[in-house]
Amino acid sequence: MADGQHHATSRYAEEAGREIKSLSEADVDELTRGGGWGLAKPVELNGYPGPSHVLEMKNQIGLTDDQLQKVQQVFDLMQARASAEGRIFVDAERKLDAAFRSRTISETALGELVAKAEASRSRLRFIHLAAHLEVTQVLDPGQIAIYDEHRGYSK
């Protein structure tokens, strides 16, 4: 390179070796095990407790046996649904990546692949957001305040 020219390495360079370029191994693991993947931030940060965190803090929050059972049911169903949908989303991202790798993708195929991936992501997000809504209905305002305080959301 001549003086004054700079080589600009992409911030994505280290991701080029990924099996699915848009997802890290940690992302794939979290998605396929039903983890939240940050999809519930709007509810979490607006005072709607998440089932996994409520279960972790059951003693601090003072869950009754009935509440514990209800929150556990919400969590179990959410995790099962999120895990199943997470696998669908990962597969959709894998197919999108493979289509680009083949270098034969058309604009029509691109539209279909993106639509499938985004529909799955939308369903996945709904699963997580809805679980927070359900858990909030199980808790009383005092328990929600304790949750927020322990999570560092107190104002």
N, C-alpha and C. Protein backbone atom coordinates (compact mmCIF):
# COMPACT_ATOMS: atom_id res chain seq x y z
N MET A 1 0.83 -1.18 0.00
CA MET A 1 0.00 0.00 0.00
C MET A 1 0.88 1.25 0.00
N ALA A 2 0.46 2.23 -0.74
CA ALA A 2 1.20 3.49 -0.79
C ALA A 2 0.98 4.25 0.50
N ASP A 3 1.94 5.14 0.78
CA ASP A 3 1.79 5.98 1.97
C ASP A 3 0.45 6.71 1.92
N GLY A 4 -0.18 6.81 3.10
CA GLY A 4 -1.44 7.52 3.18
C GLY A 4 -2.65 6.62 2.99
N GLN A 5 -2.45 5.41 2.48
CA GLN A 5 -3.57 4.48 2.33
C GLN A 5 -3.65 3.61 3.57
N HIS A 6 -4.85 3.31 3.96
CA HIS A 6 -5.06 2.50 5.15
C HIS A 6 -5.84 1.24 4.80
N HIS A 7 -5.45 0.17 5.44
CA HIS A 7 -6.17 -1.09 5.29
C HIS A 7 -7.28 -1.10 6.33
N ALA A 8 -8.50 -1.17 5.92
CA ALA A 8 -9.64 -1.11 6.85
C ALA A 8 -10.20 -2.52 7.05
N THR A 9 -9.81 -3.15 8.14
CA THR A 9 -10.33 -4.48 8.46
C THR A 9 -11.75 -4.33 8.98
N SER A 10 -12.63 -5.15 8.49
CA SER A 10 -14.03 -5.12 8.91
C SER A 10 -14.16 -5.57 10.36
N ARG A 11 -15.07 -4.95 11.07
CA ARG A 11 -15.32 -5.40 12.44
C ARG A 11 -15.97 -6.78 12.45
N TYR A 12 -16.41 -7.26 11.30
CA TYR A 12 -17.02 -8.58 11.18
C TYR A 12 -16.03 -9.68 10.80
N ALA A 13 -14.78 -9.32 10.58
CA ALA A 13 -13.79 -10.26 10.06
C ALA A 13 -13.71 -11.55 10.88
N GLU A 14 -13.76 -11.43 12.19
CA GLU A 14 -13.66 -12.62 13.05
C GLU A 14 -14.88 -13.53 12.95
N GLU A 15 -15.98 -13.01 12.41
CA GLU A 15 -17.21 -13.79 12.31
C GLU A 15 -17.29 -14.57 11.00
N ALA A 16 -16.35 -14.37 10.11
CA ALA A 16 -16.39 -15.01 8.79
C ALA A 16 -16.32 -16.53 8.87
N GLY A 17 -15.73 -17.05 9.93
CA GLY A 17 -15.60 -18.50 10.07
C GLY A 17 -16.79 -19.18 10.72
N ARG A 18 -17.79 -18.42 11.10
CA ARG A 18 -18.97 -19.00 11.74
C ARG A 18 -19.72 -19.92 10.79
N GLU A 19 -20.34 -20.94 11.35
CA GLU A 19 -21.19 -21.82 10.54
C GLU A 19 -22.37 -21.02 9.98
N ILE A 20 -23.01 -20.24 10.84
CA ILE A 20 -24.09 -19.34 10.44
C ILE A 20 -23.57 -17.94 10.72
N LYS A 21 -23.32 -17.20 9.67
CA LYS A 21 -22.62 -15.93 9.82
C LYS A 21 -23.34 -14.96 10.76
N SER A 22 -24.66 -14.97 10.78
CA SER A 22 -25.41 -14.00 11.58
C SER A 22 -25.56 -14.39 13.05
N LEU A 23 -25.14 -15.61 13.41
CA LEU A 23 -25.32 -16.09 14.77
C LEU A 23 -24.02 -16.69 15.31
N SER A 24 -23.68 -16.30 16.52
CA SER A 24 -22.52 -16.91 17.18
C SER A 24 -22.92 -18.27 17.74
N GLU A 25 -21.95 -19.05 18.15
CA GLU A 25 -22.27 -20.33 18.80
C GLU A 25 -23.08 -20.10 20.07
N ALA A 26 -22.77 -19.04 20.80
CA ALA A 26 -23.52 -18.71 22.01
C ALA A 26 -24.97 -18.34 21.67
N ASP A 27 -25.17 -17.63 20.57
CA ASP A 27 -26.53 -17.29 20.12
C ASP A 27 -27.31 -18.57 19.81
N VAL A 28 -26.69 -19.46 19.06
CA VAL A 28 -27.36 -20.71 18.67
C VAL A 28 -27.72 -21.51 19.92
N ASP A 29 -26.79 -21.59 20.86
CA ASP A 29 -27.06 -22.31 22.11
C ASP A 29 -28.23 -21.69 22.85
N GLU A 30 -28.20 -20.38 23.02
CA GLU A 30 -29.28 -19.72 23.76
C GLU A 30 -30.62 -19.89 23.07
N LEU A 31 -30.65 -19.72 21.77
CA LEU A 31 -31.90 -19.84 21.02
C LEU A 31 -32.46 -21.26 21.07
N THR A 32 -31.62 -22.25 20.94
CA THR A 32 -32.12 -23.64 20.89
C THR A 32 -32.47 -24.20 22.26
N ARG A 33 -31.97 -23.57 23.33
CA ARG A 33 -32.36 -24.03 24.67
C ARG A 33 -33.52 -23.21 25.22
N GLY A 34 -34.03 -22.24 24.45
CA GLY A 34 -35.18 -21.45 24.87
C GLY A 34 -34.82 -20.22 25.66
N GLY A 35 -33.56 -19.79 25.59
CA GLY A 35 -33.14 -18.59 26.30
C GLY A 35 -33.75 -17.33 25.70
N GLY A 36 -33.68 -16.25 26.45
CA GLY A 36 -34.36 -15.01 26.06
C GLY A 36 -33.75 -14.23 24.93
N TRP A 37 -32.43 -14.30 24.75
CA TRP A 37 -31.70 -13.66 23.66
C TRP A 37 -31.97 -12.15 23.60
N GLY A 38 -32.35 -11.58 24.73
CA GLY A 38 -32.61 -10.14 24.79
C GLY A 38 -33.92 -9.70 24.16
N LEU A 39 -34.76 -10.65 23.80
CA LEU A 39 -35.99 -10.32 23.08
C LEU A 39 -37.07 -9.70 23.97
N ALA A 40 -36.93 -9.83 25.29
CA ALA A 40 -37.97 -9.34 26.19
C ALA A 40 -37.61 -8.03 26.88
N LYS A 41 -36.62 -7.33 26.37
CA LYS A 41 -36.22 -6.08 27.01
C LYS A 41 -37.36 -5.08 27.20
N PRO A 42 -38.25 -4.90 26.23
CA PRO A 42 -39.31 -3.91 26.43
C PRO A 42 -40.20 -4.20 27.66
N VAL A 43 -40.46 -5.45 27.93
CA VAL A 43 -41.29 -5.75 29.10
C VAL A 43 -40.45 -5.78 30.36
N GLU A 44 -39.29 -6.38 30.29
CA GLU A 44 -38.40 -6.48 31.45
C GLU A 44 -38.07 -5.10 32.01
N LEU A 45 -37.73 -4.18 31.14
CA LEU A 45 -37.31 -2.86 31.58
C LEU A 45 -38.47 -1.90 31.86
N ASN A 46 -39.68 -2.39 31.65
CA ASN A 46 -40.87 -1.60 31.96
C ASN A 46 -41.70 -2.22 33.08
N GLY A 47 -41.06 -3.05 33.91
CA GLY A 47 -41.73 -3.54 35.10
C GLY A 47 -42.55 -4.81 34.97
N TYR A 48 -42.23 -5.63 33.99
CA TYR A 48 -42.91 -6.92 33.82
C TYR A 48 -41.88 -8.03 34.05
N PRO A 49 -41.87 -8.61 35.23
CA PRO A 49 -40.85 -9.61 35.56
C PRO A 49 -40.86 -10.85 34.66
N GLY A 50 -39.67 -11.38 34.45
CA GLY A 50 -39.53 -12.58 33.63
C GLY A 50 -39.59 -13.83 34.48
N PRO A 51 -40.14 -14.90 33.93
CA PRO A 51 -40.33 -16.12 34.71
C PRO A 51 -39.04 -16.75 35.23
N SER A 52 -37.99 -16.77 34.43
CA SER A 52 -36.76 -17.41 34.90
C SER A 52 -36.15 -16.63 36.07
N HIS A 53 -36.18 -15.31 35.99
CA HIS A 53 -35.61 -14.50 37.07
C HIS A 53 -36.48 -14.55 38.32
N VAL A 54 -37.79 -14.60 38.15
CA VAL A 54 -38.69 -14.73 39.30
C VAL A 54 -38.41 -16.05 40.02
N LEU A 55 -38.22 -17.10 39.26
CA LEU A 55 -37.90 -18.40 39.88
C LEU A 55 -36.57 -18.35 40.63
N GLU A 56 -35.60 -17.67 40.05
CA GLU A 56 -34.29 -17.53 40.71
C GLU A 56 -34.40 -16.74 42.01
N MET A 57 -35.33 -15.80 42.06
CA MET A 57 -35.47 -14.92 43.21
C MET A 57 -36.71 -15.23 44.05
N LYS A 58 -37.20 -16.46 43.96
CA LYS A 58 -38.46 -16.82 44.61
C LYS A 58 -38.45 -16.51 46.10
N ASN A 59 -37.34 -16.71 46.78
CA ASN A 59 -37.28 -16.45 48.22
C ASN A 59 -37.27 -14.96 48.52
N GLN A 60 -36.49 -14.19 47.77
CA GLN A 60 -36.43 -12.74 47.98
C GLN A 60 -37.79 -12.10 47.70
N ILE A 61 -38.49 -12.60 46.68
CA ILE A 61 -39.78 -12.04 46.29
C ILE A 61 -40.89 -12.52 47.23
N GLY A 62 -40.67 -13.66 47.87
CA GLY A 62 -41.68 -14.22 48.77
C GLY A 62 -42.84 -14.88 48.04
N LEU A 63 -42.49 -15.70 47.04
CA LEU A 63 -43.55 -16.40 46.30
C LEU A 63 -44.27 -17.39 47.21
N THR A 64 -45.59 -17.43 47.07
CA THR A 64 -46.36 -18.47 47.74
C THR A 64 -46.21 -19.75 46.95
N ASP A 65 -46.62 -20.86 47.51
CA ASP A 65 -46.55 -22.13 46.79
C ASP A 65 -47.38 -22.08 45.51
N ASP A 66 -48.55 -21.45 45.59
CA ASP A 66 -49.42 -21.32 44.42
C ASP A 66 -48.75 -20.47 43.34
N GLN A 67 -48.15 -19.36 43.74
CA GLN A 67 -47.46 -18.50 42.78
C GLN A 67 -46.28 -19.23 42.16
N LEU A 68 -45.54 -19.94 42.99
CA LEU A 68 -44.39 -20.70 42.49
C LEU A 68 -44.83 -21.70 41.43
N GLN A 69 -45.91 -22.40 41.70
CA GLN A 69 -46.42 -23.38 40.74
C GLN A 69 -46.83 -22.70 39.43
N LYS A 70 -47.52 -21.58 39.53
CA LYS A 70 -47.98 -20.87 38.33
C LYS A 70 -46.80 -20.33 37.51
N VAL A 71 -45.83 -19.72 38.20
CA VAL A 71 -44.67 -19.17 37.49
C VAL A 71 -43.87 -20.30 36.85
N GLN A 72 -43.73 -21.42 37.54
CA GLN A 72 -43.01 -22.57 36.98
C GLN A 72 -43.71 -23.08 35.72
N GLN A 73 -45.03 -23.12 35.74
CA GLN A 73 -45.79 -23.55 34.55
C GLN A 73 -45.56 -22.59 33.38
N VAL A 74 -45.60 -21.29 33.67
CA VAL A 74 -45.35 -20.29 32.61
C VAL A 74 -43.95 -20.49 32.05
N PHE A 75 -42.98 -20.65 32.95
CA PHE A 75 -41.59 -20.83 32.51
C PHE A 75 -41.44 -22.08 31.66
N ASP A 76 -41.97 -23.19 32.13
CA ASP A 76 -41.82 -24.46 31.41
C ASP A 76 -42.42 -24.38 30.01
N LEU A 77 -43.60 -23.81 29.91
CA LEU A 77 -44.25 -23.69 28.60
C LEU A 77 -43.48 -22.72 27.71
N MET A 78 -43.06 -21.59 28.28
CA MET A 78 -42.29 -20.62 27.51
C MET A 78 -41.00 -21.25 26.98
N GLN A 79 -40.29 -21.95 27.85
CA GLN A 79 -39.02 -22.53 27.43
C GLN A 79 -39.23 -23.60 26.36
N ALA A 80 -40.24 -24.42 26.50
CA ALA A 80 -40.52 -25.45 25.48
C ALA A 80 -40.85 -24.80 24.14
N ARG A 81 -41.73 -23.80 24.17
CA ARG A 81 -42.11 -23.12 22.92
C ARG A 81 -40.93 -22.35 22.33
N ALA A 82 -40.19 -21.65 23.19
CA ALA A 82 -39.05 -20.86 22.71
C ALA A 82 -37.95 -21.76 22.16
N SER A 83 -37.73 -22.88 22.77
CA SER A 83 -36.72 -23.82 22.28
C SER A 83 -37.09 -24.34 20.89
N ALA A 84 -38.35 -24.73 20.74
CA ALA A 84 -38.82 -25.24 19.44
C ALA A 84 -38.73 -24.14 18.38
N GLU A 85 -39.19 -22.95 18.72
CA GLU A 85 -39.15 -21.84 17.76
C GLU A 85 -37.73 -21.39 17.52
N GLY A 86 -36.90 -21.45 18.54
CA GLY A 86 -35.49 -21.10 18.38
C GLY A 86 -34.80 -21.99 17.36
N ARG A 87 -35.12 -23.27 17.39
CA ARG A 87 -34.53 -24.19 16.40
C ARG A 87 -35.01 -23.84 14.99
N ILE A 88 -36.26 -23.43 14.87
CA ILE A 88 -36.79 -23.01 13.56
C ILE A 88 -36.06 -21.76 13.08
N PHE A 89 -35.86 -20.81 13.99
CA PHE A 89 -35.17 -19.57 13.63
C PHE A 89 -33.72 -19.84 13.22
N VAL A 90 -33.03 -20.65 13.99
CA VAL A 90 -31.63 -20.99 13.66
C VAL A 90 -31.57 -21.67 12.30
N ASP A 91 -32.50 -22.58 12.03
CA ASP A 91 -32.53 -23.26 10.74
C ASP A 91 -32.79 -22.27 9.60
N ALA A 92 -33.69 -21.31 9.83
CA ALA A 92 -33.97 -20.30 8.81
C ALA A 92 -32.73 -19.45 8.53
N GLU A 93 -31.99 -19.09 9.58
CA GLU A 93 -30.76 -18.32 9.40
C GLU A 93 -29.69 -19.16 8.70
N ARG A 94 -29.66 -20.46 9.01
CA ARG A 94 -28.70 -21.37 8.36
C ARG A 94 -29.00 -21.44 6.85
N LYS A 95 -30.28 -21.52 6.49
CA LYS A 95 -30.67 -21.60 5.08
C LYS A 95 -30.36 -20.29 4.35
N LEU A 96 -30.57 -19.17 5.02
CA LEU A 96 -30.24 -17.88 4.43
C LEU A 96 -28.74 -17.78 4.16
N ASP A 97 -27.96 -18.19 5.15
CA ASP A 97 -26.50 -18.18 5.01
C ASP A 97 -26.07 -19.10 3.86
N ALA A 98 -26.64 -20.28 3.80
CA ALA A 98 -26.28 -21.24 2.76
C ALA A 98 -26.63 -20.71 1.37
N ALA A 99 -27.73 -20.00 1.28
CA ALA A 99 -28.13 -19.43 -0.02
C ALA A 99 -27.11 -18.41 -0.51
N PHE A 100 -26.58 -17.60 0.39
CA PHE A 100 -25.54 -16.65 -0.01
C PHE A 100 -24.23 -17.36 -0.32
N ARG A 101 -23.93 -18.38 0.47
CA ARG A 101 -22.68 -19.12 0.25
C ARG A 101 -22.68 -19.78 -1.12
N SER A 102 -23.85 -20.22 -1.59
CA SER A 102 -23.95 -20.89 -2.90
C SER A 102 -23.75 -19.91 -4.06
N ARG A 103 -23.91 -18.63 -3.77
CA ARG A 103 -23.75 -17.56 -4.75
C ARG A 103 -24.73 -17.66 -5.91
N THR A 104 -25.86 -18.31 -5.68
CA THR A 104 -26.87 -18.44 -6.73
C THR A 104 -28.23 -17.88 -6.29
N ILE A 105 -28.26 -17.17 -5.19
CA ILE A 105 -29.53 -16.69 -4.64
C ILE A 105 -30.12 -15.59 -5.52
N SER A 106 -31.42 -15.67 -5.70
CA SER A 106 -32.15 -14.65 -6.47
C SER A 106 -32.84 -13.71 -5.48
N GLU A 107 -33.31 -12.60 -5.99
CA GLU A 107 -34.02 -11.65 -5.13
C GLU A 107 -35.32 -12.27 -4.60
N THR A 108 -35.99 -13.06 -5.41
CA THR A 108 -37.22 -13.73 -4.97
C THR A 108 -36.93 -14.70 -3.84
N ALA A 109 -35.91 -15.52 -4.02
CA ALA A 109 -35.54 -16.47 -2.97
C ALA A 109 -35.10 -15.73 -1.71
N LEU A 110 -34.38 -14.64 -1.88
CA LEU A 110 -33.96 -13.83 -0.74
C LEU A 110 -35.17 -13.35 0.05
N GLY A 111 -36.15 -12.85 -0.64
CA GLY A 111 -37.37 -12.37 0.02
C GLY A 111 -38.05 -13.45 0.83
N GLU A 112 -38.13 -14.64 0.25
CA GLU A 112 -38.76 -15.77 0.94
C GLU A 112 -37.97 -16.20 2.17
N LEU A 113 -36.66 -16.28 2.03
CA LEU A 113 -35.81 -16.71 3.15
C LEU A 113 -35.84 -15.69 4.30
N VAL A 114 -35.77 -14.42 3.96
CA VAL A 114 -35.82 -13.38 4.98
C VAL A 114 -37.19 -13.39 5.67
N ALA A 115 -38.24 -13.54 4.90
CA ALA A 115 -39.60 -13.57 5.47
C ALA A 115 -39.76 -14.73 6.45
N LYS A 116 -39.23 -15.89 6.10
CA LYS A 116 -39.32 -17.05 7.00
C LYS A 116 -38.53 -16.81 8.28
N ALA A 117 -37.33 -16.28 8.16
CA ALA A 117 -36.51 -16.02 9.35
C ALA A 117 -37.17 -14.97 10.24
N GLU A 118 -37.65 -13.91 9.66
CA GLU A 118 -38.26 -12.84 10.46
C GLU A 118 -39.59 -13.26 11.07
N ALA A 119 -40.36 -14.09 10.38
CA ALA A 119 -41.61 -14.59 10.96
C ALA A 119 -41.30 -15.45 12.19
N SER A 120 -40.26 -16.25 12.09
CA SER A 120 -39.86 -17.07 13.23
C SER A 120 -39.36 -16.20 14.38
N ARG A 121 -38.55 -15.21 14.07
CA ARG A 121 -38.04 -14.29 15.11
C ARG A 121 -39.19 -13.58 15.79
N SER A 122 -40.18 -13.19 15.02
CA SER A 122 -41.36 -12.52 15.57
C SER A 122 -42.12 -13.45 16.53
N ARG A 123 -42.31 -14.69 16.13
CA ARG A 123 -42.98 -15.66 17.00
C ARG A 123 -42.17 -15.88 18.27
N LEU A 124 -40.88 -15.97 18.13
CA LEU A 124 -39.98 -16.17 19.27
C LEU A 124 -40.08 -15.00 20.25
N ARG A 125 -40.07 -13.81 19.72
CA ARG A 125 -40.18 -12.64 20.58
C ARG A 125 -41.52 -12.60 21.30
N PHE A 126 -42.58 -12.93 20.60
CA PHE A 126 -43.91 -12.97 21.20
C PHE A 126 -43.95 -13.96 22.37
N ILE A 127 -43.36 -15.11 22.19
CA ILE A 127 -43.34 -16.13 23.24
C ILE A 127 -42.72 -15.56 24.51
N HIS A 128 -41.60 -14.88 24.38
CA HIS A 128 -40.92 -14.33 25.56
C HIS A 128 -41.69 -13.16 26.16
N LEU A 129 -42.18 -12.27 25.34
CA LEU A 129 -42.93 -11.12 25.84
C LEU A 129 -44.21 -11.57 26.55
N ALA A 130 -44.91 -12.52 25.98
CA ALA A 130 -46.16 -13.00 26.56
C ALA A 130 -45.92 -13.66 27.92
N ALA A 131 -44.81 -14.35 28.07
CA ALA A 131 -44.50 -15.00 29.35
C ALA A 131 -44.33 -13.95 30.45
N HIS A 132 -43.72 -12.83 30.14
CA HIS A 132 -43.57 -11.76 31.12
C HIS A 132 -44.95 -11.21 31.52
N LEU A 133 -45.84 -11.06 30.54
CA LEU A 133 -47.19 -10.60 30.85
C LEU A 133 -47.89 -11.56 31.81
N GLU A 134 -47.77 -12.85 31.53
CA GLU A 134 -48.41 -13.86 32.37
C GLU A 134 -47.88 -13.83 33.80
N VAL A 135 -46.58 -13.74 33.94
CA VAL A 135 -45.96 -13.74 35.27
C VAL A 135 -46.38 -12.50 36.05
N THR A 136 -46.47 -11.37 35.38
CA THR A 136 -46.86 -10.13 36.05
C THR A 136 -48.25 -10.25 36.67
N GLN A 137 -49.12 -10.99 36.03
CA GLN A 137 -50.48 -11.19 36.56
C GLN A 137 -50.49 -12.07 37.80
N VAL A 138 -49.45 -12.85 38.01
CA VAL A 138 -49.35 -13.77 39.16
C VAL A 138 -48.83 -13.04 40.40
N LEU A 139 -48.01 -12.02 40.18
CA LEU A 139 -47.36 -11.31 41.29
C LEU A 139 -48.18 -10.11 41.76
N ASP A 140 -47.94 -9.71 43.01
CA ASP A 140 -48.59 -8.48 43.49
C ASP A 140 -47.61 -7.32 43.30
N PRO A 141 -48.08 -6.08 43.39
CA PRO A 141 -47.21 -4.92 43.16
C PRO A 141 -45.98 -4.88 44.07
N GLY A 142 -46.12 -5.31 45.31
CA GLY A 142 -44.97 -5.34 46.22
C GLY A 142 -43.90 -6.30 45.75
N GLN A 143 -44.30 -7.45 45.25
CA GLN A 143 -43.34 -8.43 44.73
C GLN A 143 -42.64 -7.90 43.48
N ILE A 144 -43.40 -7.21 42.64
CA ILE A 144 -42.80 -6.62 41.43
C ILE A 144 -41.78 -5.56 41.82
N ALA A 145 -42.08 -4.76 42.85
CA ALA A 145 -41.14 -3.74 43.32
C ALA A 145 -39.86 -4.39 43.85
N ILE A 146 -40.00 -5.49 44.58
CA ILE A 146 -38.82 -6.21 45.08
C ILE A 146 -38.00 -6.75 43.91
N TYR A 147 -38.68 -7.33 42.93
CA TYR A 147 -38.02 -7.85 41.73
C TYR A 147 -37.21 -6.74 41.06
N ASP A 148 -37.89 -5.60 40.82
CA ASP A 148 -37.22 -4.49 40.15
C ASP A 148 -35.99 -4.02 40.94
N GLU A 149 -36.13 -3.96 42.25
CA GLU A 149 -35.01 -3.52 43.09
C GLU A 149 -33.84 -4.49 42.98
N HIS A 150 -34.11 -5.80 43.08
CA HIS A 150 -33.06 -6.80 42.99
C HIS A 150 -32.42 -6.85 41.59
N ARG A 151 -33.15 -6.48 40.58
CA ARG A 151 -32.62 -6.47 39.22
C ARG A 151 -31.92 -5.16 38.89
N GLY A 152 -32.00 -4.20 39.82
CA GLY A 152 -31.32 -2.93 39.62
C GLY A 152 -32.13 -1.91 38.84
N TYR A 153 -33.44 -2.11 38.79
CA TYR A 153 -34.29 -1.21 38.01
C TYR A 153 -34.96 -0.14 38.87
N SER A 154 -34.69 -0.10 40.16
CA SER A 154 -35.32 0.89 41.03
C SER A 154 -34.93 2.29 40.59
N LYS A 155 -35.88 3.18 40.73
CA LYS A 155 -35.63 4.57 40.30
C LYS A 155 -35.22 5.41 41.47
